[in-house]
Amino acid sequence: MPTTNTYFSEKKALPSKITGRLHQVSVEIDFALSPGVVTDIVRVIGIPANTVIFAADVVIVTGQGATCTADFGDDTSGTSLITAVNLETADATIQTPANTVTCPVKYYSAANNIVLTLGHTTSTAKIVVSLLLGFSHKNLT
């Protein structure tokens, strides 16, 4: 199962007391270090309750070199953020949500996990997943 390296906008974990700022979270997933097979679910990051995702994208740093896709979503719906991300070739173009010009704003009232579900065996691709997160007033206490 693939492992992930998580990088926060300030190079540290989310603070225990959220200050109301937006946080960009970037996660690098290198399948060359830990390959995945079809239907593997990779936990990208856990998010706390009362979190809003303002933007989500995936950048393909190293392509798989063969037909390879993955869905990007959460524990409730594995395709809720981006459907059928093409991991075949490296691309400077960001993969954004299908059929829309802006990323979906999604509110999580309960804690959840952001996940990547593999559609093919993935052994060489390297990707960076980025999220722009905000926190509701309930997290400010």
N, C-alpha and C. Protein backbone atom coordinates (compact mmCIF):
# COMPACT_ATOMS: atom_id res chain seq x y z
N MET A 1 0.85 -1.17 0.00
CA MET A 1 0.00 0.00 0.00
C MET A 1 0.89 1.23 0.00
N PRO A 2 0.62 2.21 -0.84
CA PRO A 2 1.45 3.40 -0.94
C PRO A 2 1.52 4.18 0.37
N THR A 3 2.67 4.79 0.59
CA THR A 3 2.84 5.68 1.73
C THR A 3 2.79 7.11 1.23
N THR A 4 2.54 8.05 2.11
CA THR A 4 2.45 9.45 1.69
C THR A 4 3.37 10.32 2.52
N ASN A 5 3.83 11.40 1.93
CA ASN A 5 4.58 12.43 2.64
C ASN A 5 3.71 13.67 2.62
N THR A 6 3.38 14.20 3.79
CA THR A 6 2.47 15.34 3.88
C THR A 6 3.25 16.61 4.19
N TYR A 7 2.99 17.66 3.43
CA TYR A 7 3.63 18.94 3.62
C TYR A 7 2.56 19.99 3.83
N PHE A 8 2.61 20.72 4.92
CA PHE A 8 1.64 21.76 5.19
C PHE A 8 2.24 23.11 4.76
N SER A 9 1.39 24.09 4.59
CA SER A 9 1.85 25.38 4.08
C SER A 9 2.94 25.98 4.96
N GLU A 10 2.94 25.68 6.24
CA GLU A 10 3.97 26.19 7.14
C GLU A 10 4.96 25.10 7.54
N LYS A 11 5.01 24.01 6.77
CA LYS A 11 5.92 22.89 7.01
C LYS A 11 5.75 22.26 8.39
N LYS A 12 4.53 22.27 8.92
CA LYS A 12 4.27 21.62 10.20
C LYS A 12 2.83 21.13 10.21
N ALA A 13 2.52 20.29 11.16
CA ALA A 13 1.17 19.73 11.27
C ALA A 13 0.16 20.83 11.60
N LEU A 14 -1.11 20.56 11.28
CA LEU A 14 -2.15 21.51 11.64
C LEU A 14 -2.13 21.72 13.15
N PRO A 15 -2.26 22.95 13.60
CA PRO A 15 -2.22 23.22 15.04
C PRO A 15 -3.43 22.66 15.75
N SER A 16 -3.28 22.41 17.05
CA SER A 16 -4.41 21.87 17.82
C SER A 16 -5.51 22.91 17.97
N LYS A 17 -5.17 24.18 18.02
CA LYS A 17 -6.16 25.25 18.04
C LYS A 17 -6.08 25.96 16.70
N ILE A 18 -7.11 25.85 15.92
CA ILE A 18 -7.14 26.47 14.60
C ILE A 18 -7.41 27.96 14.76
N THR A 19 -6.68 28.79 14.04
CA THR A 19 -6.79 30.23 14.20
C THR A 19 -7.71 30.90 13.19
N GLY A 20 -8.38 30.13 12.36
CA GLY A 20 -9.30 30.71 11.40
C GLY A 20 -8.67 31.01 10.05
N ARG A 21 -7.38 30.79 9.90
CA ARG A 21 -6.73 31.03 8.62
C ARG A 21 -7.00 29.88 7.65
N LEU A 22 -6.77 30.14 6.40
CA LEU A 22 -6.80 29.07 5.41
C LEU A 22 -5.48 28.34 5.46
N HIS A 23 -5.52 27.04 5.22
CA HIS A 23 -4.31 26.22 5.22
C HIS A 23 -4.24 25.48 3.90
N GLN A 24 -3.10 25.57 3.22
CA GLN A 24 -2.87 24.74 2.05
C GLN A 24 -2.12 23.51 2.51
N VAL A 25 -2.65 22.35 2.16
CA VAL A 25 -2.03 21.08 2.51
C VAL A 25 -1.65 20.39 1.22
N SER A 26 -0.38 20.01 1.09
CA SER A 26 0.08 19.29 -0.08
C SER A 26 0.63 17.94 0.36
N VAL A 27 0.25 16.90 -0.34
CA VAL A 27 0.67 15.54 -0.02
C VAL A 27 1.31 14.93 -1.25
N GLU A 28 2.55 14.48 -1.12
CA GLU A 28 3.25 13.81 -2.20
C GLU A 28 3.06 12.31 -2.04
N ILE A 29 2.65 11.65 -3.12
CA ILE A 29 2.48 10.19 -3.10
C ILE A 29 3.38 9.63 -4.20
N ASP A 30 4.34 8.81 -3.81
CA ASP A 30 5.29 8.22 -4.75
C ASP A 30 5.06 6.71 -4.79
N PHE A 31 4.40 6.26 -5.85
CA PHE A 31 4.07 4.85 -5.98
C PHE A 31 5.29 3.98 -6.29
N ALA A 32 6.40 4.59 -6.71
CA ALA A 32 7.63 3.82 -6.94
C ALA A 32 8.18 3.30 -5.61
N LEU A 33 7.93 4.03 -4.53
CA LEU A 33 8.39 3.60 -3.22
C LEU A 33 7.48 2.55 -2.60
N SER A 34 6.20 2.60 -2.97
CA SER A 34 5.23 1.67 -2.42
C SER A 34 4.07 1.52 -3.42
N PRO A 35 4.16 0.53 -4.31
CA PRO A 35 3.15 0.37 -5.36
C PRO A 35 1.76 0.05 -4.81
N GLY A 36 0.77 0.35 -5.64
CA GLY A 36 -0.61 0.03 -5.30
C GLY A 36 -1.24 -0.77 -6.42
N VAL A 37 -2.32 -1.47 -6.10
CA VAL A 37 -3.03 -2.27 -7.10
C VAL A 37 -4.45 -1.73 -7.25
N VAL A 38 -5.13 -2.18 -8.29
CA VAL A 38 -6.48 -1.73 -8.58
C VAL A 38 -7.36 -1.88 -7.34
N THR A 39 -8.16 -0.89 -7.09
CA THR A 39 -9.10 -0.73 -5.96
C THR A 39 -8.43 -0.44 -4.62
N ASP A 40 -7.10 -0.32 -4.56
CA ASP A 40 -6.47 0.14 -3.32
C ASP A 40 -7.01 1.53 -2.99
N ILE A 41 -7.24 1.78 -1.72
CA ILE A 41 -7.66 3.09 -1.26
C ILE A 41 -6.52 3.68 -0.44
N VAL A 42 -5.98 4.80 -0.93
CA VAL A 42 -4.87 5.46 -0.27
C VAL A 42 -5.43 6.61 0.56
N ARG A 43 -5.20 6.57 1.87
CA ARG A 43 -5.64 7.67 2.73
C ARG A 43 -4.66 8.82 2.54
N VAL A 44 -5.13 9.90 1.95
CA VAL A 44 -4.28 11.04 1.66
C VAL A 44 -4.09 11.88 2.92
N ILE A 45 -5.18 12.23 3.58
CA ILE A 45 -5.11 13.01 4.81
C ILE A 45 -6.43 12.93 5.56
N GLY A 46 -6.35 12.92 6.87
CA GLY A 46 -7.54 13.01 7.71
C GLY A 46 -7.84 14.47 7.96
N ILE A 47 -9.11 14.84 7.90
CA ILE A 47 -9.48 16.22 8.18
C ILE A 47 -10.43 16.24 9.37
N PRO A 48 -10.33 17.29 10.20
CA PRO A 48 -11.19 17.37 11.38
C PRO A 48 -12.61 17.79 11.01
N ALA A 49 -13.50 17.62 11.98
CA ALA A 49 -14.88 18.09 11.82
C ALA A 49 -14.88 19.59 11.60
N ASN A 50 -15.93 20.08 10.95
CA ASN A 50 -16.13 21.51 10.70
C ASN A 50 -15.04 22.10 9.80
N THR A 51 -14.68 21.33 8.78
CA THR A 51 -13.67 21.76 7.82
C THR A 51 -14.34 22.02 6.47
N VAL A 52 -13.88 23.04 5.77
CA VAL A 52 -14.35 23.34 4.42
C VAL A 52 -13.18 23.16 3.46
N ILE A 53 -13.41 22.40 2.39
CA ILE A 53 -12.43 22.31 1.31
C ILE A 53 -12.85 23.33 0.26
N PHE A 54 -11.97 24.32 0.05
CA PHE A 54 -12.25 25.37 -0.93
C PHE A 54 -11.70 25.02 -2.31
N ALA A 55 -10.65 24.21 -2.35
CA ALA A 55 -10.05 23.85 -3.62
C ALA A 55 -9.30 22.54 -3.46
N ALA A 56 -9.24 21.79 -4.54
CA ALA A 56 -8.52 20.51 -4.55
C ALA A 56 -7.92 20.33 -5.94
N ASP A 57 -6.67 19.86 -5.99
CA ASP A 57 -6.09 19.56 -7.29
C ASP A 57 -5.02 18.48 -7.15
N VAL A 58 -4.69 17.90 -8.29
CA VAL A 58 -3.67 16.85 -8.35
C VAL A 58 -2.72 17.20 -9.48
N VAL A 59 -1.41 17.18 -9.20
CA VAL A 59 -0.39 17.40 -10.21
C VAL A 59 0.37 16.10 -10.41
N ILE A 60 0.53 15.67 -11.66
CA ILE A 60 1.24 14.44 -11.98
C ILE A 60 2.71 14.81 -12.19
N VAL A 61 3.57 14.42 -11.25
CA VAL A 61 5.00 14.73 -11.33
C VAL A 61 5.70 13.72 -12.24
N THR A 62 5.42 12.44 -12.02
CA THR A 62 5.96 11.35 -12.84
C THR A 62 4.79 10.48 -13.27
N GLY A 63 4.63 10.25 -14.55
CA GLY A 63 3.53 9.44 -15.04
C GLY A 63 3.79 7.95 -14.86
N GLN A 64 2.73 7.18 -14.88
CA GLN A 64 2.82 5.72 -14.77
C GLN A 64 3.41 5.11 -16.03
N GLY A 65 3.19 5.75 -17.19
CA GLY A 65 3.73 5.23 -18.45
C GLY A 65 2.80 4.27 -19.16
N ALA A 66 1.67 4.00 -18.57
CA ALA A 66 0.65 3.13 -19.17
C ALA A 66 -0.70 3.63 -18.66
N THR A 67 -1.78 3.09 -19.23
CA THR A 67 -3.10 3.50 -18.80
C THR A 67 -3.22 3.38 -17.28
N CYS A 68 -3.59 4.48 -16.64
CA CYS A 68 -3.67 4.50 -15.18
C CYS A 68 -4.54 5.67 -14.74
N THR A 69 -5.56 5.38 -13.97
CA THR A 69 -6.43 6.42 -13.43
C THR A 69 -6.67 6.18 -11.95
N ALA A 70 -7.16 7.23 -11.30
CA ALA A 70 -7.53 7.13 -9.89
C ALA A 70 -8.64 8.14 -9.62
N ASP A 71 -9.50 7.84 -8.66
CA ASP A 71 -10.54 8.76 -8.22
C ASP A 71 -10.12 9.39 -6.91
N PHE A 72 -10.55 10.62 -6.68
CA PHE A 72 -10.14 11.41 -5.53
C PHE A 72 -11.39 11.88 -4.82
N GLY A 73 -11.54 11.49 -3.57
CA GLY A 73 -12.74 11.86 -2.83
C GLY A 73 -12.57 11.70 -1.34
N ASP A 74 -13.62 11.21 -0.68
CA ASP A 74 -13.57 11.03 0.76
C ASP A 74 -14.14 9.68 1.14
N ASP A 75 -14.21 9.40 2.45
CA ASP A 75 -14.71 8.10 2.91
C ASP A 75 -16.15 7.85 2.47
N THR A 76 -16.94 8.90 2.33
CA THR A 76 -18.34 8.75 1.96
C THR A 76 -18.50 8.47 0.47
N SER A 77 -17.75 9.22 -0.35
CA SER A 77 -17.81 9.05 -1.80
C SER A 77 -16.41 9.21 -2.37
N GLY A 78 -15.87 8.13 -2.86
CA GLY A 78 -14.51 8.13 -3.38
C GLY A 78 -14.31 8.97 -4.62
N THR A 79 -15.40 9.50 -5.18
CA THR A 79 -15.30 10.34 -6.38
C THR A 79 -15.81 11.76 -6.14
N SER A 80 -15.95 12.16 -4.89
CA SER A 80 -16.60 13.43 -4.59
C SER A 80 -15.77 14.66 -4.95
N LEU A 81 -14.46 14.53 -5.12
CA LEU A 81 -13.64 15.69 -5.45
C LEU A 81 -13.21 15.71 -6.91
N ILE A 82 -12.55 14.66 -7.38
CA ILE A 82 -12.11 14.59 -8.78
C ILE A 82 -12.27 13.16 -9.26
N THR A 83 -12.94 12.98 -10.39
CA THR A 83 -13.18 11.66 -10.95
C THR A 83 -12.17 11.38 -12.06
N ALA A 84 -11.62 10.17 -12.07
CA ALA A 84 -10.77 9.67 -13.15
C ALA A 84 -9.57 10.57 -13.44
N VAL A 85 -8.75 10.81 -12.43
CA VAL A 85 -7.50 11.54 -12.63
C VAL A 85 -6.60 10.66 -13.50
N ASN A 86 -6.07 11.22 -14.58
CA ASN A 86 -5.21 10.47 -15.50
C ASN A 86 -3.77 10.50 -14.98
N LEU A 87 -3.26 9.35 -14.53
CA LEU A 87 -1.91 9.26 -13.99
C LEU A 87 -0.91 8.74 -15.02
N GLU A 88 -1.31 8.63 -16.28
CA GLU A 88 -0.47 8.00 -17.30
C GLU A 88 0.80 8.78 -17.60
N THR A 89 0.69 10.10 -17.79
CA THR A 89 1.88 10.88 -18.15
C THR A 89 2.01 12.10 -17.24
N ALA A 90 3.25 12.52 -17.04
CA ALA A 90 3.51 13.73 -16.26
C ALA A 90 2.89 14.90 -17.01
N ASP A 91 2.35 15.83 -16.26
CA ASP A 91 1.64 16.94 -16.87
C ASP A 91 1.70 18.13 -15.93
N ALA A 92 2.12 19.26 -16.45
CA ALA A 92 2.14 20.47 -15.62
C ALA A 92 0.74 20.98 -15.38
N THR A 93 -0.22 20.48 -16.16
CA THR A 93 -1.61 20.91 -16.00
C THR A 93 -2.20 20.26 -14.77
N ILE A 94 -2.88 21.05 -14.00
CA ILE A 94 -3.53 20.54 -12.79
C ILE A 94 -4.82 19.82 -13.18
N GLN A 95 -5.03 18.66 -12.59
CA GLN A 95 -6.27 17.92 -12.81
C GLN A 95 -7.32 18.49 -11.85
N THR A 96 -8.34 19.13 -12.39
CA THR A 96 -9.36 19.74 -11.54
C THR A 96 -10.67 18.98 -11.69
N PRO A 97 -11.64 19.26 -10.84
CA PRO A 97 -12.89 18.50 -10.89
C PRO A 97 -13.53 18.50 -12.27
N ALA A 98 -14.05 17.34 -12.64
CA ALA A 98 -14.66 17.18 -13.96
C ALA A 98 -15.92 18.02 -14.09
N ASN A 99 -16.17 18.51 -15.28
CA ASN A 99 -17.40 19.20 -15.64
C ASN A 99 -17.66 20.48 -14.85
N THR A 100 -16.61 21.12 -14.38
CA THR A 100 -16.80 22.38 -13.67
C THR A 100 -15.56 23.23 -13.84
N VAL A 101 -15.71 24.54 -13.79
CA VAL A 101 -14.56 25.42 -13.95
C VAL A 101 -13.95 25.80 -12.60
N THR A 102 -14.67 25.57 -11.54
CA THR A 102 -14.13 25.86 -10.21
C THR A 102 -14.20 24.61 -9.36
N CYS A 103 -13.34 24.53 -8.38
CA CYS A 103 -13.35 23.38 -7.47
C CYS A 103 -14.60 23.44 -6.59
N PRO A 104 -15.14 22.29 -6.25
CA PRO A 104 -16.34 22.29 -5.42
C PRO A 104 -15.99 22.70 -3.99
N VAL A 105 -16.80 23.57 -3.41
CA VAL A 105 -16.64 23.88 -1.99
C VAL A 105 -17.40 22.80 -1.24
N LYS A 106 -16.72 22.12 -0.34
CA LYS A 106 -17.33 20.99 0.36
C LYS A 106 -17.12 21.15 1.86
N TYR A 107 -18.21 21.10 2.62
CA TYR A 107 -18.17 21.24 4.07
C TYR A 107 -18.29 19.87 4.73
N TYR A 108 -17.44 19.64 5.72
CA TYR A 108 -17.47 18.40 6.49
C TYR A 108 -17.84 18.71 7.93
N SER A 109 -19.04 18.33 8.33
CA SER A 109 -19.47 18.57 9.71
C SER A 109 -18.84 17.56 10.66
N ALA A 110 -18.45 16.41 10.14
CA ALA A 110 -17.79 15.37 10.94
C ALA A 110 -16.41 15.08 10.35
N ALA A 111 -15.53 14.57 11.16
CA ALA A 111 -14.19 14.21 10.69
C ALA A 111 -14.31 13.22 9.53
N ASN A 112 -13.38 13.28 8.61
CA ASN A 112 -13.43 12.42 7.43
C ASN A 112 -12.00 12.22 6.93
N ASN A 113 -11.84 11.34 5.98
CA ASN A 113 -10.55 11.11 5.33
C ASN A 113 -10.66 11.45 3.86
N ILE A 114 -9.66 12.14 3.34
CA ILE A 114 -9.56 12.38 1.91
C ILE A 114 -8.78 11.19 1.35
N VAL A 115 -9.33 10.55 0.31
CA VAL A 115 -8.75 9.31 -0.20
C VAL A 115 -8.57 9.35 -1.72
N LEU A 116 -7.68 8.49 -2.18
CA LEU A 116 -7.42 8.27 -3.60
C LEU A 116 -7.70 6.79 -3.84
N THR A 117 -8.60 6.46 -4.77
CA THR A 117 -8.92 5.07 -5.08
C THR A 117 -8.32 4.73 -6.44
N LEU A 118 -7.42 3.75 -6.45
CA LEU A 118 -6.71 3.40 -7.67
C LEU A 118 -7.59 2.60 -8.64
N GLY A 119 -7.53 2.99 -9.91
CA GLY A 119 -8.28 2.29 -10.94
C GLY A 119 -7.43 1.26 -11.67
N HIS A 120 -6.12 1.32 -11.46
CA HIS A 120 -5.18 0.42 -12.13
C HIS A 120 -4.01 0.16 -11.20
N THR A 121 -3.22 -0.88 -11.50
CA THR A 121 -1.97 -1.08 -10.77
C THR A 121 -1.08 0.13 -11.02
N THR A 122 -0.51 0.66 -9.95
CA THR A 122 0.25 1.90 -10.02
C THR A 122 1.58 1.67 -9.32
N SER A 123 2.69 1.72 -10.09
CA SER A 123 3.98 1.37 -9.51
C SER A 123 5.09 2.37 -9.79
N THR A 124 4.86 3.34 -10.66
CA THR A 124 5.91 4.32 -10.94
C THR A 124 5.44 5.77 -10.83
N ALA A 125 4.15 6.00 -10.80
CA ALA A 125 3.63 7.37 -10.77
C ALA A 125 4.01 8.09 -9.47
N LYS A 126 4.20 9.39 -9.59
CA LYS A 126 4.41 10.25 -8.43
C LYS A 126 3.49 11.45 -8.62
N ILE A 127 2.68 11.74 -7.59
CA ILE A 127 1.71 12.82 -7.69
C ILE A 127 1.80 13.71 -6.46
N VAL A 128 1.29 14.93 -6.61
CA VAL A 128 1.14 15.84 -5.48
C VAL A 128 -0.33 16.26 -5.43
N VAL A 129 -0.97 15.97 -4.30
CA VAL A 129 -2.36 16.35 -4.06
C VAL A 129 -2.34 17.59 -3.18
N SER A 130 -3.09 18.62 -3.57
CA SER A 130 -3.15 19.84 -2.77
C SER A 130 -4.60 20.17 -2.43
N LEU A 131 -4.80 20.61 -1.20
CA LEU A 131 -6.12 21.03 -0.72
C LEU A 131 -5.99 22.40 -0.09
N LEU A 132 -6.99 23.25 -0.30
CA LEU A 132 -7.08 24.52 0.41
C LEU A 132 -8.21 24.35 1.42
N LEU A 133 -7.83 24.34 2.71
CA LEU A 133 -8.78 24.05 3.78
C LEU A 133 -9.07 25.30 4.61
N GLY A 134 -10.31 25.42 5.02
CA GLY A 134 -10.72 26.45 5.97
C GLY A 134 -11.47 25.76 7.10
N PHE A 135 -11.61 26.44 8.20
CA PHE A 135 -12.22 25.83 9.37
C PHE A 135 -13.34 26.72 9.88
N SER A 136 -14.44 26.12 10.24
CA SER A 136 -15.58 26.91 10.71
C SER A 136 -15.30 27.46 12.10
N HIS A 137 -16.14 28.37 12.55
CA HIS A 137 -15.98 29.00 13.84
C HIS A 137 -15.99 27.98 14.98
N LYS A 138 -16.57 26.81 14.76
CA LYS A 138 -16.63 25.79 15.80
C LYS A 138 -15.24 25.26 16.15
N ASN A 139 -14.27 25.42 15.24
CA ASN A 139 -12.91 24.97 15.50
C ASN A 139 -12.05 26.05 16.16
N LEU A 140 -12.62 27.20 16.40
CA LEU A 140 -11.82 28.31 16.91
C LEU A 140 -11.76 28.39 18.42
N THR A 141 -12.44 27.51 19.11
CA THR A 141 -12.43 27.56 20.57
C THR A 141 -11.25 26.83 21.17
